[in-house]
Structure formats: C-alpha cells, structure tokens
Amino acid sequence: MQFKNNTKQRNTGIQGLRSFKDTLPKNVKKIINKKGHIYSETLNNWKFIVGNDLFKVCYPKTFKNSNRFGVSTLVIMVKRGHEVDIEYSKKDILNKMNNFFGYSVVEKLKFISFDHEQEITNLSNTDVKNVAISKYQDKIKDVKNEKIKKSLTELTKVFKRK
C-alpha cells in the first residue's frame, strides 16, 4: 500500500502507546533537554566519579554547556575546609568525568564552598509548592494534565535533594 505524501490525516497524531517524552509540552522538553542528560548522569554516578572521601564533602550543583562564548563548566559545592582537597584532585575529576562519558564533556570546574549545617537544614525544609525555581513553576502550572504536573514537581524534588 502506498501513502500519499501530503495527507493531513497521517501527520495529526500517533496511535497506540507514546513515550513520555512525546507527551510533554514543548516548554518542559526544552528545560529537560537543556540540563538533562549530562547533569543527571553526573548526579547518579557522582560517588563513582570522585570516590568515597570526596563524595562526603562535595556534590555537583549545576552544569553549563559550552557555547560560542564559554566552555562547559561543572559547578561543585564543597564543604568549608575541604576546598584544598578538591582543588588538588581537580584534574582527576575532569579526567574521570570525560572518560565516563567517552568524550570531552567538562572543560572547567568551578567550586563554591558552603557550611554543612546550612545545606542540611535547607534540604529538610523544602515545601512542595516552592520546590522548583519560580520561572519553572509557572511553566509547570500551565500543564493541564494533573498526573504530569504532579510527576514534574516530584522530579524537581529529587533534583533539589541531590
């Protein structure tokens, strides 16, 4: 059977099961694709990348992809007093991350120090409504499906905890 190229009927929808990615609104897809894969894989495998000793004193905060103006940067939060240890192992972390992904993912590491008591209290007092950043909250509120809206707030909770 031959299909006509210019029929509207064929392009309107997909029958059967659709992947979760296809059901998301375009705005939410942009957010997930922007930070998505590299940052989530880094979070999941952080203990493997840095080792047990450094895992206890630091965690990745954000990942910024490279563009015309800057290089790809991973921002790491470090407990106060352990900055020197992280600085000495900077090259090892870069090499392990790039070897883990198989190509040059991170070109620069940036460290931000914090007090460990402050970080623990902030994570335990997160409110369900104030989990996401305000600009993302507005986009999540625009989603009409309640199940997707609830799952997106749960997703932001998980990223806040890590």
Protein backbone atom coordinates (compact mmCIF):
# COMPACT_ATOMS: atom_id res chain seq x y z
CA MET A 1 0.00 0.00 0.00
CA GLN A 2 1.34 3.40 -0.95
CA PHE A 3 0.94 6.51 1.20
CA LYS A 4 0.30 9.96 -0.18
CA ASN A 5 2.88 12.47 0.94
CA ASN A 6 0.60 15.45 1.53
CA THR A 7 -2.20 14.00 3.65
CA LYS A 8 -3.11 15.73 6.90
CA GLN A 9 -4.53 12.54 8.36
CA ARG A 10 -1.13 10.90 8.62
CA ASN A 11 0.57 13.77 10.48
CA THR A 12 -2.09 14.59 13.07
CA GLY A 13 -1.34 12.02 15.74
CA ILE A 14 0.21 8.76 16.77
CA GLN A 15 -1.96 5.81 17.59
CA GLY A 16 -1.10 3.46 20.37
CA LEU A 17 1.39 4.00 23.13
CA ARG A 18 3.53 7.11 23.13
CA SER A 19 6.72 7.71 25.02
CA PHE A 20 6.67 10.07 28.00
CA LYS A 21 8.91 12.47 26.10
CA ASP A 22 6.29 12.89 23.36
CA THR A 23 3.50 13.69 25.82
CA LEU A 24 5.35 16.57 27.50
CA PRO A 25 4.69 20.17 26.46
CA LYS A 26 7.36 21.86 24.34
CA ASN A 27 8.40 24.23 27.16
CA VAL A 28 9.07 21.37 29.55
CA LYS A 29 11.01 19.44 26.88
CA LYS A 30 13.32 22.42 26.43
CA ILE A 31 14.04 22.56 30.16
CA ILE A 32 14.79 18.84 30.41
CA ASN A 33 16.95 18.81 27.28
CA LYS A 34 18.85 21.89 28.41
CA LYS A 35 20.18 20.41 31.66
CA GLY A 36 19.08 16.85 31.22
CA HIS A 37 21.34 14.01 30.33
CA ILE A 38 24.84 15.03 31.41
CA TYR A 39 23.78 16.57 34.71
CA SER A 40 21.53 13.67 35.71
CA GLU A 41 24.16 11.06 34.84
CA THR A 42 26.72 13.05 36.83
CA LEU A 43 24.40 13.12 39.84
CA ASN A 44 23.69 9.41 39.66
CA ASN A 45 27.35 8.42 39.34
CA TRP A 46 28.98 11.12 41.47
CA LYS A 47 30.24 8.64 44.07
CA PHE A 48 31.95 6.60 41.36
CA ILE A 49 33.48 9.68 39.72
CA VAL A 50 35.02 11.34 42.78
CA GLY A 51 35.43 8.44 45.20
CA ASN A 52 34.14 7.89 48.75
CA ASP A 53 36.27 10.52 50.52
CA LEU A 54 35.35 13.41 48.25
CA PHE A 55 31.75 12.20 47.90
CA LYS A 56 31.18 13.05 51.58
CA VAL A 57 32.35 16.66 51.22
CA CYS A 58 31.11 17.79 47.79
CA TYR A 59 28.31 17.44 45.25
CA PRO A 60 27.59 18.87 41.77
CA LYS A 61 25.28 21.88 41.78
CA THR A 62 24.85 22.86 38.14
CA PHE A 63 26.19 22.07 34.70
CA LYS A 64 26.50 24.72 31.99
CA ASN A 65 27.02 23.52 28.43
CA SER A 66 29.56 25.10 26.14
CA ASN A 67 28.51 27.71 23.65
CA ARG A 68 30.22 30.33 21.48
CA PHE A 69 31.16 32.47 24.47
CA GLY A 70 32.19 29.96 27.13
CA VAL A 71 33.36 26.46 27.89
CA SER A 72 31.33 23.72 29.54
CA THR A 73 31.51 24.18 33.30
CA LEU A 74 30.50 21.99 36.24
CA VAL A 75 29.79 23.90 39.46
CA ILE A 76 30.60 21.85 42.55
CA MET A 77 29.50 22.69 46.10
CA VAL A 78 32.27 21.96 48.63
CA LYS A 79 32.03 21.88 52.43
CA ARG A 80 34.06 24.61 54.08
CA GLY A 81 37.55 23.39 54.95
CA HIS A 82 37.81 20.82 52.15
CA GLU A 83 38.46 23.21 49.27
CA VAL A 84 42.16 22.35 49.08
CA ASP A 85 41.46 18.60 48.77
CA ILE A 86 39.07 19.22 45.88
CA GLU A 87 41.50 21.62 44.22
CA TYR A 88 44.27 19.03 44.25
CA SER A 89 42.00 16.38 42.73
CA LYS A 90 40.61 18.73 40.06
CA LYS A 91 42.43 17.06 37.15
CA ASP A 92 41.39 13.59 38.34
CA ILE A 93 37.73 14.64 38.46
CA LEU A 94 37.94 16.15 34.95
CA ASN A 95 39.62 13.01 33.56
CA LYS A 96 37.16 10.63 35.23
CA MET A 97 34.13 12.60 34.02
CA ASN A 98 35.39 12.77 30.45
CA ASN A 99 36.31 9.06 30.50
CA PHE A 100 32.91 8.17 31.98
CA PHE A 101 31.03 9.87 29.14
CA GLY A 102 33.54 8.89 26.46
CA TYR A 103 34.16 12.39 25.16
CA SER A 104 35.19 15.80 26.50
CA VAL A 105 32.10 16.81 28.47
CA VAL A 106 33.55 19.14 31.09
CA GLU A 107 36.35 21.57 30.39
CA LYS A 108 36.27 23.61 33.59
CA LEU A 109 35.36 23.02 37.25
CA LYS A 110 34.15 25.81 39.50
CA PHE A 111 33.99 25.39 43.28
CA ILE A 112 31.64 27.08 45.72
CA SER A 113 32.08 26.49 49.44
CA PHE A 114 29.21 26.19 51.92
CA ASP A 115 28.63 25.43 55.61
CA HIS A 116 27.41 21.86 56.02
CA GLU A 117 24.75 22.74 58.67
CA GLN A 118 23.16 25.27 56.32
CA GLU A 119 22.84 22.76 53.45
CA ILE A 120 21.20 20.07 55.58
CA THR A 121 18.55 22.41 57.03
CA ASN A 122 17.67 23.84 53.60
CA LEU A 123 17.02 20.40 52.15
CA SER A 124 14.85 19.23 55.03
CA ASN A 125 12.56 22.29 54.95
CA THR A 126 11.61 22.23 51.26
CA ASP A 127 7.97 22.94 50.60
CA VAL A 128 6.07 21.11 47.87
CA LYS A 129 4.87 24.31 46.24
CA ASN A 130 8.27 26.05 46.35
CA VAL A 131 10.40 23.18 45.10
CA ALA A 132 11.09 24.47 41.60
CA ILE A 133 12.50 27.82 40.54
CA SER A 134 9.75 30.39 40.02
CA LYS A 135 10.10 30.56 36.22
CA TYR A 136 9.75 26.77 36.04
CA GLN A 137 6.81 26.84 38.47
CA ASP A 138 4.86 28.97 36.03
CA LYS A 139 5.54 26.53 33.20
CA ILE A 140 4.55 23.57 35.38
CA LYS A 141 1.31 25.34 36.34
CA ASP A 142 0.47 25.69 32.62
CA VAL A 143 0.43 21.89 32.22
CA LYS A 144 -3.20 20.76 32.08
CA ASN A 145 -2.74 17.09 32.97
CA GLU A 146 -2.66 16.68 36.77
CA LYS A 147 -0.60 13.48 36.70
CA ILE A 148 2.13 15.07 34.60
CA LYS A 149 2.07 18.17 36.80
CA LYS A 150 2.48 16.05 39.93
CA SER A 151 5.29 13.98 38.40
CA LEU A 152 7.17 17.14 37.36
CA THR A 153 7.01 18.52 40.91
CA GLU A 154 8.29 15.16 42.18
CA LEU A 155 11.12 15.33 39.64
CA THR A 156 12.13 18.78 40.87
CA LYS A 157 12.08 17.48 44.45
CA VAL A 158 14.53 14.72 43.52
CA PHE A 159 16.88 17.19 41.84
CA LYS A 160 16.70 19.51 44.85
CA ARG A 161 17.67 16.66 47.19
CA LYS A 162 20.70 15.75 45.10
